[in-house]
Amino acid sequence: MSKKAKKSAVQGTYALCITVGLIVGVGLGPMLGSVPITTILGGVVGAGAGYFFSHLNKRSRR
């Protein structure tokens, strides 16, 4: 896999995880009573999950 393909895959993972986090945050917002806060938290959790998944393979190779 080339460097460009790896970089693109990592960016795609981040984008997917952040998008899912935002959608879940918007969905849970009305139930929890605050849409903006849950949306922001969903984005942060999504970014954390994207970081975890993109660096998961690097840890297992050591």
N, C-alpha and C. Protein backbone atom coordinates (compact mmCIF):
# COMPACT_ATOMS: atom_id res chain seq x y z
N MET A 1 0.85 -1.17 0.00
CA MET A 1 0.00 0.00 0.00
C MET A 1 0.89 1.24 0.00
N SER A 2 0.63 2.16 -0.90
CA SER A 2 1.46 3.36 -1.01
C SER A 2 1.15 4.34 0.13
N LYS A 3 2.05 5.31 0.31
CA LYS A 3 1.86 6.31 1.37
C LYS A 3 0.59 7.12 1.14
N LYS A 4 0.32 7.43 -0.13
CA LYS A 4 -0.87 8.22 -0.45
C LYS A 4 -2.14 7.44 -0.11
N ALA A 5 -2.15 6.15 -0.40
CA ALA A 5 -3.32 5.33 -0.10
C ALA A 5 -3.53 5.19 1.40
N LYS A 6 -2.43 5.07 2.16
CA LYS A 6 -2.54 4.97 3.62
C LYS A 6 -3.09 6.26 4.21
N LYS A 7 -2.59 7.39 3.71
CA LYS A 7 -3.04 8.69 4.21
C LYS A 7 -4.52 8.87 3.90
N SER A 8 -4.93 8.48 2.71
CA SER A 8 -6.33 8.60 2.33
C SER A 8 -7.22 7.70 3.18
N ALA A 9 -6.74 6.51 3.50
CA ALA A 9 -7.50 5.59 4.34
C ALA A 9 -7.67 6.15 5.75
N VAL A 10 -6.62 6.75 6.29
CA VAL A 10 -6.70 7.34 7.63
C VAL A 10 -7.67 8.51 7.64
N GLN A 11 -7.61 9.36 6.62
CA GLN A 11 -8.54 10.48 6.54
C GLN A 11 -9.98 10.00 6.41
N GLY A 12 -10.20 8.93 5.67
CA GLY A 12 -11.54 8.37 5.52
C GLY A 12 -12.06 7.81 6.82
N THR A 13 -11.17 7.20 7.60
CA THR A 13 -11.57 6.66 8.90
C THR A 13 -11.99 7.78 9.84
N TYR A 14 -11.18 8.84 9.89
CA TYR A 14 -11.54 10.00 10.72
C TYR A 14 -12.88 10.58 10.30
N ALA A 15 -13.06 10.78 9.01
CA ALA A 15 -14.30 11.39 8.52
C ALA A 15 -15.51 10.53 8.85
N LEU A 16 -15.39 9.23 8.68
CA LEU A 16 -16.50 8.34 8.97
C LEU A 16 -16.85 8.35 10.45
N CYS A 17 -15.84 8.25 11.31
CA CYS A 17 -16.09 8.21 12.75
C CYS A 17 -16.67 9.53 13.26
N ILE A 18 -16.15 10.65 12.79
CA ILE A 18 -16.68 11.93 13.23
C ILE A 18 -18.11 12.13 12.74
N THR A 19 -18.40 11.73 11.52
CA THR A 19 -19.75 11.84 10.99
C THR A 19 -20.74 11.00 11.78
N VAL A 20 -20.35 9.78 12.08
CA VAL A 20 -21.23 8.91 12.88
C VAL A 20 -21.43 9.50 14.26
N GLY A 21 -20.38 10.04 14.85
CA GLY A 21 -20.51 10.67 16.17
C GLY A 21 -21.46 11.85 16.15
N LEU A 22 -21.37 12.68 15.12
CA LEU A 22 -22.27 13.82 15.01
C LEU A 22 -23.72 13.38 14.83
N ILE A 23 -23.93 12.38 14.00
CA ILE A 23 -25.30 11.90 13.77
C ILE A 23 -25.89 11.30 15.05
N VAL A 24 -25.10 10.53 15.76
CA VAL A 24 -25.58 9.95 17.03
C VAL A 24 -25.84 11.07 18.04
N GLY A 25 -24.97 12.08 18.07
CA GLY A 25 -25.17 13.21 18.97
C GLY A 25 -26.45 13.96 18.69
N VAL A 26 -26.75 14.18 17.42
CA VAL A 26 -27.99 14.86 17.05
C VAL A 26 -29.19 13.99 17.40
N GLY A 27 -29.06 12.69 17.22
CA GLY A 27 -30.17 11.78 17.53
C GLY A 27 -30.46 11.69 19.01
N LEU A 28 -29.40 11.71 19.83
CA LEU A 28 -29.61 11.62 21.28
C LEU A 28 -29.93 12.95 21.92
N GLY A 29 -29.71 14.03 21.21
CA GLY A 29 -29.93 15.37 21.75
C GLY A 29 -31.32 15.61 22.32
N PRO A 30 -32.38 15.33 21.57
CA PRO A 30 -33.71 15.57 22.12
C PRO A 30 -34.03 14.72 23.35
N MET A 31 -33.49 13.51 23.39
CA MET A 31 -33.75 12.66 24.56
C MET A 31 -33.02 13.17 25.80
N LEU A 32 -31.84 13.71 25.61
CA LEU A 32 -31.06 14.18 26.75
C LEU A 32 -31.30 15.65 27.06
N GLY A 33 -31.97 16.36 26.17
CA GLY A 33 -32.39 17.72 26.45
C GLY A 33 -31.47 18.82 25.94
N SER A 34 -30.37 18.49 25.30
CA SER A 34 -29.48 19.52 24.80
C SER A 34 -28.81 19.06 23.51
N VAL A 35 -29.34 19.50 22.39
CA VAL A 35 -28.82 19.08 21.09
C VAL A 35 -27.39 19.59 20.84
N PRO A 36 -27.08 20.86 21.10
CA PRO A 36 -25.71 21.31 20.79
C PRO A 36 -24.64 20.59 21.60
N ILE A 37 -24.89 20.35 22.87
CA ILE A 37 -23.89 19.69 23.71
C ILE A 37 -23.67 18.25 23.27
N THR A 38 -24.74 17.52 23.01
CA THR A 38 -24.57 16.13 22.59
C THR A 38 -23.95 16.03 21.20
N THR A 39 -24.22 17.01 20.34
CA THR A 39 -23.61 17.01 19.01
C THR A 39 -22.10 17.22 19.12
N ILE A 40 -21.68 18.16 19.95
CA ILE A 40 -20.25 18.41 20.15
C ILE A 40 -19.59 17.20 20.79
N LEU A 41 -20.22 16.63 21.81
CA LEU A 41 -19.66 15.44 22.45
C LEU A 41 -19.57 14.26 21.48
N GLY A 42 -20.57 14.13 20.62
CA GLY A 42 -20.54 13.07 19.61
C GLY A 42 -19.38 13.25 18.64
N GLY A 43 -19.11 14.49 18.25
CA GLY A 43 -17.97 14.77 17.37
C GLY A 43 -16.65 14.47 18.04
N VAL A 44 -16.54 14.81 19.31
CA VAL A 44 -15.31 14.54 20.07
C VAL A 44 -15.09 13.05 20.25
N VAL A 45 -16.15 12.34 20.59
CA VAL A 45 -16.05 10.88 20.74
C VAL A 45 -15.72 10.24 19.39
N GLY A 46 -16.31 10.75 18.33
CA GLY A 46 -16.01 10.25 16.99
C GLY A 46 -14.55 10.48 16.60
N ALA A 47 -14.02 11.64 16.96
CA ALA A 47 -12.60 11.92 16.66
C ALA A 47 -11.70 10.98 17.46
N GLY A 48 -12.07 10.72 18.70
CA GLY A 48 -11.30 9.77 19.51
C GLY A 48 -11.35 8.37 18.94
N ALA A 49 -12.51 7.97 18.49
CA ALA A 49 -12.65 6.63 17.88
C ALA A 49 -11.85 6.56 16.58
N GLY A 50 -11.88 7.62 15.80
CA GLY A 50 -11.09 7.65 14.56
C GLY A 50 -9.61 7.53 14.83
N TYR A 51 -9.14 8.22 15.86
CA TYR A 51 -7.72 8.12 16.24
C TYR A 51 -7.39 6.70 16.68
N PHE A 52 -8.27 6.12 17.49
CA PHE A 52 -8.04 4.76 17.98
C PHE A 52 -7.98 3.76 16.83
N PHE A 53 -8.94 3.84 15.91
CA PHE A 53 -8.98 2.88 14.81
C PHE A 53 -7.84 3.10 13.81
N SER A 54 -7.43 4.34 13.60
CA SER A 54 -6.35 4.58 12.63
C SER A 54 -4.99 4.20 13.19
N HIS A 55 -4.84 4.18 14.50
CA HIS A 55 -3.56 3.81 15.11
C HIS A 55 -3.57 2.39 15.68
N LEU A 56 -4.65 1.67 15.50
CA LEU A 56 -4.76 0.31 16.03
C LEU A 56 -3.78 -0.63 15.36
N ASN A 57 -3.64 -0.56 14.05
CA ASN A 57 -2.74 -1.45 13.33
C ASN A 57 -1.28 -1.16 13.65
N LYS A 58 -0.94 0.07 13.90
CA LYS A 58 0.44 0.43 14.20
C LYS A 58 0.87 -0.17 15.54
N ARG A 59 -0.05 -0.24 16.50
CA ARG A 59 0.28 -0.81 17.82
C ARG A 59 0.46 -2.33 17.74
N SER A 60 -0.35 -2.98 16.94
CA SER A 60 -0.30 -4.44 16.89
C SER A 60 0.92 -4.95 16.13
N ARG A 61 1.56 -4.12 15.33
CA ARG A 61 2.73 -4.55 14.56
C ARG A 61 4.01 -4.54 15.39
N ARG A 62 4.02 -3.88 16.52
CA ARG A 62 5.23 -3.78 17.33
C ARG A 62 5.61 -5.07 17.97
